[in-house]
Amino acid sequence: MVTKGIVLGHKISSKGIEVDKAKVEVIEKLPPPINVKGIRSFLGHAGFYRRFIK
């Protein structure tokens, strides 16, 4: 039986669901958006991880 794993960028374990630290680093290193496409891209990333944003 699998006790933990990563599914769709989320770490699943007996402690519950956590965000993968590698994904956090990628979002932190995103360049500031300079146009509408960049803003939409950032909002898409933020929306996907919204339950983990404090």
N, C-alpha and C. Protein backbone atom coordinates (compact mmCIF):
# COMPACT_ATOMS: atom_id res chain seq x y z
N MET A 1 0.84 -1.18 0.00
CA MET A 1 0.00 0.00 0.00
C MET A 1 0.89 1.25 0.00
N VAL A 2 0.48 2.25 -0.72
CA VAL A 2 1.22 3.51 -0.80
C VAL A 2 0.84 4.38 0.40
N THR A 3 1.85 4.90 1.11
CA THR A 3 1.57 5.72 2.29
C THR A 3 1.61 7.21 1.99
N LYS A 4 2.31 7.58 0.90
CA LYS A 4 2.32 8.99 0.51
C LYS A 4 2.71 9.09 -0.96
N GLY A 5 2.36 10.22 -1.57
CA GLY A 5 2.69 10.42 -2.98
C GLY A 5 2.32 11.82 -3.42
N ILE A 6 2.67 12.13 -4.67
CA ILE A 6 2.36 13.44 -5.23
C ILE A 6 1.35 13.24 -6.36
N VAL A 7 0.22 13.94 -6.26
CA VAL A 7 -0.84 13.87 -7.26
C VAL A 7 -1.21 15.29 -7.66
N LEU A 8 -1.06 15.61 -8.94
CA LEU A 8 -1.42 16.93 -9.47
C LEU A 8 -0.78 18.07 -8.68
N GLY A 9 0.46 17.89 -8.27
CA GLY A 9 1.17 18.95 -7.56
C GLY A 9 0.86 19.05 -6.09
N HIS A 10 0.13 18.09 -5.55
CA HIS A 10 -0.19 18.07 -4.13
C HIS A 10 0.43 16.84 -3.49
N LYS A 11 1.01 17.02 -2.31
CA LYS A 11 1.57 15.89 -1.56
C LYS A 11 0.46 15.29 -0.70
N ILE A 12 0.17 14.02 -0.92
CA ILE A 12 -0.87 13.32 -0.17
C ILE A 12 -0.17 12.39 0.81
N SER A 13 -0.52 12.50 2.09
CA SER A 13 0.06 11.63 3.11
C SER A 13 -0.96 11.41 4.21
N SER A 14 -0.54 10.72 5.25
CA SER A 14 -1.44 10.48 6.38
C SER A 14 -1.76 11.78 7.12
N LYS A 15 -0.92 12.82 6.95
CA LYS A 15 -1.16 14.12 7.58
C LYS A 15 -2.19 14.94 6.81
N GLY A 16 -2.53 14.52 5.60
CA GLY A 16 -3.49 15.25 4.79
C GLY A 16 -2.87 15.69 3.48
N ILE A 17 -3.40 16.78 2.93
CA ILE A 17 -2.94 17.30 1.65
C ILE A 17 -2.07 18.52 1.89
N GLU A 18 -0.89 18.52 1.28
CA GLU A 18 0.03 19.65 1.37
C GLU A 18 0.46 20.02 -0.04
N VAL A 19 0.94 21.23 -0.19
CA VAL A 19 1.46 21.66 -1.49
C VAL A 19 2.90 21.18 -1.62
N ASP A 20 3.28 20.80 -2.82
CA ASP A 20 4.66 20.37 -3.10
C ASP A 20 5.57 21.60 -3.05
N LYS A 21 6.62 21.54 -2.24
CA LYS A 21 7.53 22.68 -2.07
C LYS A 21 8.16 23.12 -3.38
N ALA A 22 8.40 22.19 -4.29
CA ALA A 22 8.98 22.54 -5.59
C ALA A 22 8.05 23.46 -6.37
N LYS A 23 6.75 23.26 -6.25
CA LYS A 23 5.79 24.11 -6.95
C LYS A 23 5.76 25.51 -6.36
N VAL A 24 5.93 25.61 -5.05
CA VAL A 24 5.97 26.92 -4.40
C VAL A 24 7.16 27.72 -4.91
N GLU A 25 8.31 27.06 -5.03
CA GLU A 25 9.50 27.74 -5.52
C GLU A 25 9.32 28.23 -6.95
N VAL A 26 8.64 27.45 -7.78
CA VAL A 26 8.40 27.87 -9.16
C VAL A 26 7.53 29.12 -9.19
N ILE A 27 6.47 29.15 -8.38
CA ILE A 27 5.58 30.30 -8.36
C ILE A 27 6.30 31.53 -7.81
N GLU A 28 7.14 31.34 -6.79
CA GLU A 28 7.89 32.47 -6.24
C GLU A 28 8.85 33.08 -7.26
N LYS A 29 9.36 32.27 -8.16
CA LYS A 29 10.34 32.74 -9.14
C LYS A 29 9.71 33.25 -10.43
N LEU A 30 8.38 33.20 -10.53
CA LEU A 30 7.74 33.73 -11.73
C LEU A 30 8.04 35.22 -11.86
N PRO A 31 8.32 35.68 -13.07
CA PRO A 31 8.57 37.11 -13.25
C PRO A 31 7.27 37.89 -13.04
N PRO A 32 7.37 39.14 -12.64
CA PRO A 32 6.15 39.95 -12.48
C PRO A 32 5.42 40.06 -13.81
N PRO A 33 4.10 39.93 -13.78
CA PRO A 33 3.35 40.03 -15.04
C PRO A 33 3.44 41.44 -15.62
N ILE A 34 3.63 41.50 -16.94
CA ILE A 34 3.74 42.81 -17.60
C ILE A 34 2.63 43.03 -18.63
N ASN A 35 1.80 42.01 -18.83
CA ASN A 35 0.69 42.17 -19.76
C ASN A 35 -0.48 41.31 -19.27
N VAL A 36 -1.58 41.37 -20.00
CA VAL A 36 -2.79 40.66 -19.59
C VAL A 36 -2.55 39.15 -19.56
N LYS A 37 -1.84 38.63 -20.53
CA LYS A 37 -1.56 37.19 -20.56
C LYS A 37 -0.78 36.75 -19.33
N GLY A 38 0.20 37.55 -18.91
CA GLY A 38 0.98 37.24 -17.72
C GLY A 38 0.15 37.28 -16.46
N ILE A 39 -0.76 38.25 -16.37
CA ILE A 39 -1.65 38.34 -15.21
C ILE A 39 -2.56 37.13 -15.15
N ARG A 40 -3.11 36.74 -16.29
CA ARG A 40 -3.98 35.56 -16.32
C ARG A 40 -3.22 34.29 -15.93
N SER A 41 -1.99 34.20 -16.37
CA SER A 41 -1.17 33.04 -16.02
C SER A 41 -0.93 32.98 -14.52
N PHE A 42 -0.57 34.12 -13.93
CA PHE A 42 -0.34 34.16 -12.48
C PHE A 42 -1.62 33.82 -11.72
N LEU A 43 -2.74 34.39 -12.13
CA LEU A 43 -4.00 34.12 -11.44
C LEU A 43 -4.39 32.65 -11.57
N GLY A 44 -4.05 32.03 -12.68
CA GLY A 44 -4.31 30.60 -12.85
C GLY A 44 -3.51 29.77 -11.86
N HIS A 45 -2.22 30.10 -11.71
CA HIS A 45 -1.38 29.40 -10.74
C HIS A 45 -1.90 29.64 -9.32
N ALA A 46 -2.21 30.88 -9.00
CA ALA A 46 -2.68 31.21 -7.65
C ALA A 46 -4.02 30.52 -7.36
N GLY A 47 -4.88 30.46 -8.35
CA GLY A 47 -6.18 29.81 -8.17
C GLY A 47 -6.05 28.32 -7.91
N PHE A 48 -5.10 27.69 -8.59
CA PHE A 48 -4.90 26.25 -8.42
C PHE A 48 -4.46 25.93 -6.99
N TYR A 49 -3.66 26.80 -6.40
CA TYR A 49 -3.14 26.57 -5.05
C TYR A 49 -3.84 27.44 -4.00
N ARG A 50 -5.02 27.94 -4.29
CA ARG A 50 -5.69 28.90 -3.40
C ARG A 50 -5.95 28.35 -2.00
N ARG A 51 -6.17 27.06 -1.86
CA ARG A 51 -6.46 26.52 -0.52
C ARG A 51 -5.23 26.54 0.38
N PHE A 52 -4.04 26.71 -0.21
CA PHE A 52 -2.81 26.72 0.57
C PHE A 52 -2.24 28.12 0.77
N ILE A 53 -2.83 29.12 0.14
CA ILE A 53 -2.33 30.49 0.25
C ILE A 53 -2.90 31.12 1.51
N LYS A 54 -2.01 31.71 2.33
CA LYS A 54 -2.46 32.33 3.58
C LYS A 54 -2.28 33.82 3.49
